[in-house]
Protein backbone atom coordinates (compact mmCIF):
# COMPACT_ATOMS: atom_id res chain seq x y z
CA UNK A 1 -21.59 -58.10 11.48
CA UNK A 2 -20.30 -58.78 14.98
CA UNK A 3 -19.49 -55.72 17.08
CA UNK A 4 -16.94 -55.68 19.92
CA UNK A 5 -18.38 -53.53 22.67
CA UNK A 6 -15.99 -50.99 24.16
CA UNK A 7 -14.83 -52.26 27.57
CA UNK A 8 -14.13 -48.78 28.98
CA UNK A 9 -17.55 -47.59 27.86
CA UNK A 10 -19.20 -50.58 29.54
CA UNK A 11 -17.31 -49.83 32.75
CA UNK A 12 -18.43 -46.21 32.57
CA UNK A 13 -22.03 -47.37 32.15
CA UNK A 14 -21.82 -49.58 35.25
CA UNK A 15 -20.05 -47.00 37.43
CA UNK A 16 -22.36 -44.16 36.40
CA UNK A 17 -25.47 -46.26 37.02
CA UNK A 18 -24.25 -47.51 40.41
CA UNK A 19 -23.33 -43.98 41.50
CA UNK A 20 -26.60 -42.60 40.09
CA UNK A 21 -24.57 -39.83 38.50
CA UNK A 22 -22.38 -39.85 35.40
CA UNK A 23 -20.83 -36.59 36.62
CA UNK A 24 -19.59 -38.40 39.75
CA UNK A 25 -18.54 -41.31 37.56
CA UNK A 26 -16.38 -38.94 35.53
CA UNK A 27 -14.58 -37.89 38.71
CA UNK A 28 -14.29 -41.49 39.92
CA UNK A 29 -12.86 -42.70 36.59
CA UNK A 30 -10.61 -39.69 36.07
CA UNK A 31 -12.29 -38.57 32.84
CA UNK A 32 -13.98 -35.39 31.66
CA UNK A 33 -17.75 -35.28 31.41
CA UNK A 34 -17.48 -34.80 27.65
CA UNK A 35 -15.41 -38.00 27.41
CA UNK A 36 -18.07 -39.85 29.41
CA UNK A 37 -20.79 -38.56 27.07
CA UNK A 38 -18.82 -39.74 24.04
CA UNK A 39 -18.45 -43.22 25.55
CA UNK A 40 -22.18 -43.51 26.18
CA UNK A 41 -22.97 -42.36 22.64
CA UNK A 42 -20.48 -44.91 21.33
CA UNK A 43 -22.34 -47.70 23.13
CA UNK A 44 -25.61 -46.56 21.57
CA UNK A 45 -23.97 -46.51 18.13
CA UNK A 46 -22.49 -49.99 18.64
CA UNK A 47 -25.76 -51.51 19.82
CA UNK A 48 -28.07 -49.52 17.58
CA UNK A 49 -30.31 -48.90 20.62
CA UNK A 50 -31.29 -45.94 22.76
CA UNK A 51 -29.74 -46.91 26.08
CA UNK A 52 -30.31 -43.73 28.10
CA UNK A 53 -32.99 -41.11 28.47
CA UNK A 54 -32.79 -37.79 30.25
CA UNK A 55 -34.54 -37.45 33.62
CA UNK A 56 -34.22 -34.00 35.15
CA UNK A 57 -30.53 -33.09 34.97
CA UNK A 58 -29.34 -36.71 34.77
CA UNK A 59 -29.60 -39.85 32.68
CA UNK A 60 -31.50 -43.05 33.42
CA UNK A 61 -31.48 -46.37 31.62
CA UNK A 62 -34.07 -47.38 29.06
CA UNK A 63 -35.31 -50.97 28.90
CA UNK A 64 -32.55 -51.75 26.39
CA UNK A 65 -30.05 -50.06 28.70
CA UNK A 66 -31.14 -52.19 31.64
CA UNK A 67 -30.65 -55.30 29.54
CA UNK A 68 -27.15 -54.23 28.46
CA UNK A 69 -26.23 -53.26 32.03
CA UNK A 70 -26.71 -56.84 33.22
CA UNK A 71 -24.39 -58.08 30.48
CA UNK A 72 -21.91 -55.27 31.16
CA UNK A 73 -21.50 -56.37 34.78
CA UNK A 74 -20.78 -59.95 33.68
CA UNK A 75 -18.39 -58.89 30.91
CA UNK A 76 -16.40 -56.63 33.23
CA UNK A 77 -16.25 -59.24 35.99
CA UNK A 78 -14.96 -61.87 33.55
CA UNK A 79 -12.46 -59.44 32.05
CA UNK A 80 -11.08 -58.46 35.45
CA UNK A 81 -10.94 -62.07 36.60
CA UNK A 82 -9.07 -63.13 33.46
CA UNK A 83 -6.51 -60.33 33.60
CA UNK A 84 -5.98 -60.89 37.32
CA UNK A 85 -5.39 -64.61 36.85
CA UNK A 86 -2.76 -63.86 34.19
CA UNK A 87 -1.09 -61.22 36.33
CA UNK A 88 -1.89 -58.50 33.81
CA UNK A 89 -4.35 -56.35 35.77
CA UNK A 90 -3.99 -52.81 34.54
CA UNK A 91 -1.93 -50.52 36.71
CA UNK A 92 -4.97 -48.26 37.05
CA UNK A 93 -7.02 -50.98 38.76
CA UNK A 94 -8.27 -49.86 42.15
CA UNK A 95 -10.11 -51.14 45.18
CA UNK A 96 -11.98 -48.88 47.57
CA UNK A 97 -12.27 -49.30 51.33
CA UNK A 98 -14.13 -47.22 53.92
CA UNK A 99 -13.49 -47.10 57.68
CA UNK A 100 -14.52 -45.09 60.72
CA UNK A 101 -11.63 -42.98 61.99
CA UNK A 102 -11.43 -45.25 65.07
CA UNK A 103 -9.48 -47.79 63.00
CA UNK A 104 -7.07 -45.57 61.09
CA UNK A 105 -4.14 -46.26 63.42
CA UNK A 106 -4.23 -50.06 63.47
CA UNK A 107 -6.75 -51.84 61.24
CA UNK A 108 -6.20 -49.71 58.14
CA UNK A 109 -2.36 -49.81 58.01
CA UNK A 110 -2.19 -53.56 58.64
CA UNK A 111 -4.88 -54.25 56.05
CA UNK A 112 -3.14 -52.15 53.39
CA UNK A 113 0.24 -53.73 54.15
CA UNK A 114 -1.04 -57.29 53.76
CA UNK A 115 -3.03 -56.41 50.64
CA UNK A 116 0.01 -54.77 49.01
CA UNK A 117 1.99 -57.97 49.46
CA UNK A 118 -0.74 -59.95 47.72
CA UNK A 119 -1.68 -57.38 45.06
CA UNK A 120 1.30 -55.02 44.68
CA UNK A 121 0.01 -53.36 41.49
CA UNK A 122 -3.50 -52.53 42.66
CA UNK A 123 -4.25 -48.99 43.81
CA UNK A 124 -6.11 -48.71 47.13
CA UNK A 125 -8.48 -45.82 47.83
CA UNK A 126 -9.22 -45.27 51.54
CA UNK A 127 -12.15 -43.19 52.77
CA UNK A 128 -13.01 -42.12 56.30
CA UNK A 129 -16.65 -41.58 57.03
CA UNK A 130 -19.68 -41.70 59.26
CA UNK A 131 -21.74 -44.87 59.41
CA UNK A 132 -24.64 -43.56 57.34
CA UNK A 133 -22.26 -42.28 54.64
CA UNK A 134 -20.21 -45.48 54.48
CA UNK A 135 -23.32 -47.63 54.14
CA UNK A 136 -24.65 -45.44 51.34
CA UNK A 137 -21.32 -45.50 49.48
CA UNK A 138 -21.15 -49.30 49.61
CA UNK A 139 -24.78 -49.59 48.48
CA UNK A 140 -24.18 -47.32 45.48
CA UNK A 141 -20.90 -48.99 44.53
CA UNK A 142 -18.61 -46.08 45.40
CA UNK A 143 -16.89 -48.34 47.97
CA UNK A 144 -16.13 -52.04 47.62
CA UNK A 145 -16.00 -52.82 51.33
CA UNK A 146 -16.37 -50.87 54.56
CA UNK A 147 -16.54 -51.19 58.32
CA UNK A 148 -19.33 -49.31 60.05
CA UNK A 149 -21.00 -49.11 63.47
CA UNK A 150 -24.63 -50.13 63.98
CA UNK A 151 -26.94 -50.50 66.98
CA UNK A 152 -26.87 -53.94 68.61
CA UNK A 153 -29.09 -56.43 66.81
CA UNK A 154 -28.72 -54.86 63.34
CA UNK A 155 -28.75 -58.27 61.67
CA UNK A 156 -29.76 -56.92 58.26
CA UNK A 157 -26.60 -54.83 57.91
CA UNK A 158 -23.56 -56.70 56.61
CA UNK A 159 -21.54 -59.20 58.62
CA UNK A 160 -20.90 -58.88 62.36
CA UNK A 161 -17.23 -58.30 63.21
CA UNK A 162 -17.44 -57.39 66.90
CA UNK A 163 -19.81 -56.22 69.62
CA UNK A 164 -18.43 -53.43 71.81
CA UNK A 165 -19.61 -51.55 74.88
CA UNK A 166 -20.05 -47.79 74.60
CA UNK A 167 -18.40 -46.06 77.56
CA UNK A 168 -18.11 -42.53 78.93
CA UNK A 169 -14.61 -41.06 78.52
CA UNK A 170 -13.03 -37.94 80.00
CA UNK A 171 -9.71 -36.33 80.85
CA UNK A 172 -8.02 -37.88 83.89
CA UNK A 173 -8.30 -34.54 85.72
CA UNK A 174 -11.96 -33.83 84.96
CA UNK A 175 -14.02 -33.60 88.16
CA UNK A 176 -17.54 -34.87 88.70
CA UNK A 177 -20.22 -32.19 88.18
CA UNK A 178 -22.00 -30.96 91.29
CA UNK A 179 -25.63 -31.96 91.80
CA UNK A 180 -27.79 -30.04 89.35
CA UNK A 181 -24.93 -29.04 87.07
CA UNK A 182 -25.18 -30.01 83.40
CA UNK A 183 -22.84 -32.58 81.92
CA UNK A 184 -20.47 -31.01 79.40
CA UNK A 185 -20.44 -33.18 76.29
CA UNK A 186 -17.93 -33.43 73.44
CA UNK A 187 -19.72 -35.04 70.49
CA UNK A 188 -19.56 -35.60 66.76
CA UNK A 189 -21.75 -33.44 64.58
CA UNK A 190 -25.23 -34.77 63.79
CA UNK A 191 -25.94 -37.40 62.53
CA UNK A 192 -23.83 -39.71 64.68
CA UNK A 193 -24.76 -43.02 66.31
CA UNK A 194 -22.63 -42.35 69.40
CA UNK A 195 -24.17 -38.90 69.82
CA UNK A 196 -27.73 -40.16 69.36
CA UNK A 197 -27.22 -43.04 71.81
CA UNK A 198 -25.69 -40.84 74.51
CA UNK A 199 -28.34 -38.13 74.32
CA UNK A 200 -31.22 -40.61 74.32
CA UNK A 201 -29.75 -42.34 77.38
CA UNK A 202 -29.29 -39.09 79.31
CA UNK A 203 -32.77 -37.88 78.40
CA UNK A 204 -34.32 -41.18 79.51
CA UNK A 205 -32.71 -40.72 82.94
CA UNK A 206 -33.68 -37.07 83.22
CA UNK A 207 -30.06 -35.90 83.38
CA UNK A 208 -29.11 -32.39 82.30
CA UNK A 209 -26.48 -31.92 79.62
CA UNK A 210 -24.99 -29.24 77.39
CA UNK A 211 -22.92 -29.35 74.22
CA UNK A 212 -19.43 -28.18 75.06
CA UNK A 213 -17.92 -28.90 71.64
CA UNK A 214 -18.98 -30.63 68.42
CA UNK A 215 -16.76 -31.71 65.53
CA UNK A 216 -16.85 -34.14 62.58
CA UNK A 217 -13.35 -35.37 63.48
CA UNK A 218 -12.52 -38.18 65.92
CA UNK A 219 -9.03 -36.73 66.55
CA UNK A 220 -10.86 -33.49 67.31
CA UNK A 221 -13.05 -35.33 69.83
CA UNK A 222 -10.04 -36.81 71.62
CA UNK A 223 -8.17 -33.50 71.60
CA UNK A 224 -11.13 -31.72 73.18
CA UNK A 225 -11.63 -34.45 75.79
CA UNK A 226 -7.91 -34.46 76.61
CA UNK A 227 -8.07 -30.69 77.09
CA UNK A 228 -10.87 -31.04 79.64
CA UNK A 229 -13.75 -29.66 77.54
CA UNK A 230 -16.08 -32.44 78.65
CA UNK A 231 -16.85 -36.13 78.35
CA UNK A 232 -17.61 -38.20 75.26
CA UNK A 233 -19.17 -41.61 74.47
CA UNK A 234 -16.97 -44.05 72.58
CA UNK A 235 -15.79 -47.65 72.60
CA UNK A 236 -12.58 -48.62 74.38
CA UNK A 237 -10.80 -49.23 71.07
CA UNK A 238 -7.63 -47.16 70.64
CA UNK A 239 -8.39 -44.65 73.39
CA UNK A 240 -5.50 -42.15 73.64
CA UNK A 241 -3.33 -41.83 76.74
CA UNK A 242 -4.59 -39.45 79.42
CA UNK A 243 -8.26 -40.35 78.84
CA UNK A 244 -10.19 -42.76 81.05
CA UNK A 245 -13.61 -44.38 81.46
CA UNK A 246 -15.45 -42.25 84.07
CA UNK A 247 -18.93 -43.82 83.86
CA UNK A 248 -19.02 -45.42 87.31
CA UNK A 249 -17.04 -42.64 88.99
CA UNK A 250 -19.52 -40.01 87.77
CA UNK A 251 -22.58 -42.26 88.38
CA UNK A 252 -23.54 -42.04 84.72
CA UNK A 253 -26.12 -44.38 83.18
CA UNK A 254 -24.76 -47.43 81.38
CA UNK A 255 -24.71 -47.08 77.62
CA UNK A 256 -25.75 -49.93 75.28
CA UNK A 257 -23.46 -52.06 73.19
CA UNK A 258 -22.70 -51.26 69.58
CA UNK A 259 -21.85 -53.55 66.67
CA UNK A 260 -19.05 -53.22 64.16
CA UNK A 261 -20.16 -54.74 60.85
CA UNK A 262 -18.57 -55.30 57.47
CA UNK A 263 -20.46 -54.02 54.46
CA UNK A 264 -19.71 -55.39 50.99
CA UNK A 265 -20.75 -54.13 47.58
CA UNK A 266 -22.15 -56.46 44.92
CA UNK A 267 -20.09 -57.67 41.97
CA UNK A 268 -16.69 -57.37 43.64
CA UNK A 269 -13.60 -57.70 41.48
CA UNK A 270 -11.15 -60.47 42.42
CA UNK A 271 -8.85 -57.86 43.96
CA UNK A 272 -11.72 -56.45 46.02
CA UNK A 273 -12.57 -59.95 47.23
CA UNK A 274 -8.98 -60.29 48.44
CA UNK A 275 -9.23 -56.93 50.21
CA UNK A 276 -12.47 -57.99 51.90
CA UNK A 277 -10.89 -61.19 53.23
CA UNK A 278 -7.82 -59.39 54.55
CA UNK A 279 -9.91 -56.66 56.20
CA UNK A 280 -12.01 -59.33 57.92
CA UNK A 281 -8.90 -61.10 59.22
CA UNK A 282 -7.23 -57.92 60.47
CA UNK A 283 -10.43 -56.65 62.10
CA UNK A 284 -10.84 -59.93 63.98
CA UNK A 285 -7.28 -59.57 65.29
CA UNK A 286 -7.34 -55.87 66.19
CA UNK A 287 -10.87 -55.09 67.35
């Protein structure tokens, strides 16, 4: 007897495996953990196979589960492509995009506006994050597409969008430290590529520095710099008024360039492919 596999259960299987956690998958899919467990049991009943085994506090795929997972990805992709082509994509369909906070005022709004015109019924989830977190979320399938910063020459990470110079920024009224005084720095919390690059550069030149303020927030960085708490390394993209590049004026060492790259998850839905294309276009225009 032929058995029609449950589409929602297959999607749960894919999401939970990609996220390496069916608890996180429950949150992502808006279901209770008990509902997720019932879906997985249903798949095992439909296939007559043990698809999962317990490992520690989580579940991992058996050999039969790995085999079904490959088919599940293809079935879901074909289902989503068919419904999209007929204009019947479920209202709950979603695409997920991640961006550094640097691009929340220009790249993100323009991207969402253009995407909404093309796909008005698709929900967009936007996440702000650090580079390491965005890369991990794309790799595990929690994000479809993301922009992230990488050191120059990071050819193995996504697609190059732009190469930008890191500069030293400070309040217009900040005065140059006297000889021997430490540089007051306003930096993101660790880990941060801008922070790491700046500190390594200062250390290599034997320059003294101190942490004046640290924060996970880019608006917090700019607010502290504008208030005169110190200087901060950043690109020249979307620098607020009242803040200037003081590198040459303060005789500071030149910082290296940094690359903005686009990261893309595997097995994108047709809607996510559209989002990726639009994000690439907008980034090329704005950055």
